[in-house]
Amino acid sequence: MPELQLLSLDHAPALLVFEEENRAYFAASIPDRGDDYFARFDERLRALLAEQEAGICYFHVLVDPAGAVLGRVNLVDVADGAADLGYRIAERAAGQGLATSAVREVCRRAVDPYGLTALRAAATLDNAASRAVLARTGFTVTGETRLSGRPGLTYLRRLRP
């Protein structure tokens, strides 16, 4: 059973493999990270961990028993009791309910220990799987948006302590 873990420097090698192996798969439904992300991966990871240490963001990885990263679930731009949720699941692990269970777990952690009261999210209209995860985990549509030029929806989930 995969385990959701708070991102640490120890995850770096497996996280890079996850991002490289799934780059084309992710780019089909969400904006691509770009070549610079991979060229400066170590530097970028250290910056993310500094943000996490400061309480600005909480980055999670979904790790299988062998240590491979199967997904990411992140809370970013933490302020005023709210944060933005983002997630991605490896192509080989898609369709197994991992995104739904990981998002549910992050929603629990958002309340305790992170002390948040609301989460925001967005998904492109052509990303039906992501929109289904948001619906199953209690997010409601709040409006329309564009994500890298693609039409999408914004979502909100109020959290109970």
Protein backbone atom coordinates (compact mmCIF):
# COMPACT_ATOMS: atom_id res chain seq x y z
CA MET A 1 0.00 0.00 0.00
CA PRO A 2 1.47 3.39 -0.97
CA GLU A 3 2.18 5.86 1.82
CA LEU A 4 1.79 9.63 1.69
CA GLN A 5 4.96 11.25 3.03
CA LEU A 6 6.02 14.84 3.53
CA LEU A 7 8.63 15.63 0.89
CA SER A 8 12.26 15.48 2.01
CA LEU A 9 15.63 15.63 0.32
CA ASP A 10 15.77 11.82 0.60
CA HIS A 11 12.98 11.63 -2.02
CA ALA A 12 15.03 13.51 -4.65
CA PRO A 13 16.22 10.57 -6.80
CA ALA A 14 12.81 8.84 -6.90
CA LEU A 15 11.01 12.13 -7.45
CA LEU A 16 13.18 13.00 -10.44
CA VAL A 17 12.52 9.57 -11.96
CA PHE A 18 8.77 10.07 -11.40
CA GLU A 19 8.81 13.48 -13.10
CA GLU A 20 10.94 12.33 -16.04
CA GLU A 21 9.01 9.09 -16.67
CA ASN A 22 5.65 10.86 -16.58
CA ARG A 23 6.48 14.16 -18.27
CA ALA A 24 4.64 13.47 -21.54
CA TYR A 25 1.72 11.86 -19.70
CA PHE A 26 1.29 14.92 -17.45
CA ALA A 27 1.72 17.38 -20.32
CA ALA A 28 -1.33 15.87 -22.01
CA SER A 29 -3.60 17.24 -19.28
CA ILE A 30 -1.68 19.87 -17.26
CA PRO A 31 0.92 22.49 -18.16
CA ASP A 32 4.41 21.06 -18.76
CA ARG A 33 7.10 21.95 -16.23
CA GLY A 34 9.57 22.88 -18.97
CA ASP A 35 13.18 21.88 -19.61
CA ASP A 36 14.52 24.28 -16.98
CA TYR A 37 12.69 22.35 -14.24
CA PHE A 38 14.68 19.22 -15.06
CA ALA A 39 17.98 21.01 -15.70
CA ARG A 40 17.78 22.71 -12.28
CA PHE A 41 15.92 19.96 -10.41
CA ASP A 42 18.20 19.83 -7.33
CA GLU A 43 18.21 23.60 -6.93
CA ARG A 44 14.44 23.76 -7.37
CA LEU A 45 13.89 20.96 -4.83
CA ARG A 46 15.99 22.75 -2.22
CA ALA A 47 13.97 25.93 -2.77
CA LEU A 48 10.72 23.99 -2.34
CA LEU A 49 11.98 22.43 0.88
CA ALA A 50 12.89 25.90 2.18
CA GLU A 51 9.32 27.05 1.44
CA GLN A 52 8.01 24.00 3.26
CA GLU A 53 10.24 24.71 6.26
CA ALA A 54 8.85 28.27 6.32
CA GLY A 55 5.26 26.96 6.31
CA ILE A 56 4.46 28.55 2.96
CA CYS A 57 3.83 25.19 1.28
CA TYR A 58 3.46 21.51 2.14
CA PHE A 59 4.73 19.04 -0.45
CA HIS A 60 3.81 15.36 -0.26
CA VAL A 61 4.87 12.32 -2.24
CA LEU A 62 2.96 9.07 -2.55
CA VAL A 63 5.59 6.36 -2.16
CA ASP A 64 5.20 2.64 -2.85
CA PRO A 65 6.81 0.00 -0.56
CA ALA A 66 9.88 -0.16 -2.85
CA GLY A 67 10.46 3.61 -2.50
CA ALA A 68 9.22 4.65 -5.94
CA VAL A 69 7.20 7.85 -6.14
CA LEU A 70 3.71 7.20 -7.52
CA GLY A 71 2.33 10.68 -7.06
CA ARG A 72 2.52 14.14 -5.57
CA VAL A 73 -0.07 16.08 -3.60
CA ASN A 74 0.91 19.62 -2.73
CA LEU A 75 -0.52 22.51 -0.76
CA VAL A 76 0.99 25.78 -1.95
CA ASP A 77 0.63 29.47 -1.18
CA VAL A 78 -0.52 28.86 2.39
CA ALA A 79 -1.97 32.10 3.77
CA ASP A 80 -4.93 33.23 5.85
CA GLY A 81 -5.97 29.65 6.63
CA ALA A 82 -6.16 28.52 2.99
CA ALA A 83 -3.92 26.94 0.35
CA ASP A 84 -3.98 25.81 -3.26
CA LEU A 85 -4.10 22.06 -3.86
CA GLY A 86 -2.26 20.40 -6.73
CA TYR A 87 -1.67 16.73 -7.47
CA ARG A 88 -0.39 14.31 -10.10
CA ILE A 89 -0.31 10.52 -10.22
CA ALA A 90 2.05 8.39 -12.31
CA GLU A 91 0.59 6.95 -15.49
CA ARG A 92 1.25 3.40 -14.29
CA ALA A 93 -0.72 4.09 -11.09
CA ALA A 94 -3.64 5.99 -12.63
CA GLY A 95 -7.16 4.66 -12.27
CA GLN A 96 -6.50 2.88 -8.98
CA GLY A 97 -8.07 5.44 -6.65
CA LEU A 98 -4.68 6.69 -5.43
CA ALA A 99 -5.36 10.34 -6.25
CA THR A 100 -8.68 10.26 -4.40
CA SER A 101 -7.22 8.61 -1.30
CA ALA A 102 -4.14 10.87 -1.30
CA VAL A 103 -6.23 14.03 -1.68
CA ARG A 104 -8.49 12.89 1.16
CA GLU A 105 -5.43 12.34 3.35
CA VAL A 106 -4.01 15.76 2.50
CA CYS A 107 -7.40 17.33 3.33
CA ARG A 108 -7.16 15.68 6.78
CA ARG A 109 -3.60 16.95 7.22
CA ALA A 110 -4.66 20.40 6.06
CA VAL A 111 -6.82 20.60 9.18
CA ASP A 112 -4.42 18.85 11.55
CA PRO A 113 -1.50 19.50 11.74
CA TYR A 114 -1.47 22.39 9.21
CA GLY A 115 -4.41 24.31 10.71
CA LEU A 116 -6.06 25.27 7.41
CA THR A 117 -9.76 26.00 6.93
CA ALA A 118 -10.08 25.96 3.13
CA LEU A 119 -8.42 24.55 0.02
CA ARG A 120 -8.63 25.87 -3.52
CA ALA A 121 -7.98 23.89 -6.70
CA ALA A 122 -8.29 24.18 -10.47
CA ALA A 123 -8.51 21.69 -13.31
CA THR A 124 -8.74 21.99 -17.06
CA LEU A 125 -12.05 21.02 -18.64
CA ASP A 126 -10.35 18.24 -20.60
CA ASN A 127 -8.95 16.66 -17.42
CA ALA A 128 -12.03 14.64 -16.44
CA ALA A 129 -10.06 12.42 -14.05
CA SER A 130 -8.83 15.37 -12.01
CA ARG A 131 -12.27 16.95 -11.94
CA ALA A 132 -13.71 13.62 -10.71
CA VAL A 133 -11.14 13.44 -7.90
CA LEU A 134 -12.08 16.95 -6.78
CA ALA A 135 -15.80 16.11 -6.82
CA ARG A 136 -15.26 12.85 -4.87
CA THR A 137 -13.21 14.64 -2.21
CA GLY A 138 -15.72 17.39 -1.44
CA PHE A 139 -14.60 20.27 -3.66
CA THR A 140 -17.26 22.40 -5.31
CA VAL A 141 -16.97 24.42 -8.50
CA THR A 142 -16.63 28.14 -7.85
CA GLY A 143 -15.93 29.53 -11.31
CA GLU A 144 -14.11 29.35 -14.60
CA THR A 145 -10.43 29.97 -15.33
CA ARG A 146 -7.73 29.38 -17.91
CA LEU A 147 -4.71 27.21 -17.16
CA SER A 148 -1.87 27.81 -19.63
CA GLY A 149 -4.44 29.02 -22.13
CA ARG A 150 -6.77 26.05 -21.64
CA PRO A 151 -10.29 26.46 -20.24
CA GLY A 152 -10.78 25.16 -16.73
CA LEU A 153 -12.76 25.34 -13.53
CA THR A 154 -11.87 26.59 -10.07
CA TYR A 155 -12.88 24.71 -6.93
CA LEU A 156 -13.12 25.24 -3.19
CA ARG A 157 -13.36 22.92 -0.22
CA ARG A 158 -14.10 24.29 3.21
CA LEU A 159 -12.44 22.22 5.94
CA ARG A 160 -13.83 21.40 9.34
CA PRO A 161 -11.50 21.22 12.34
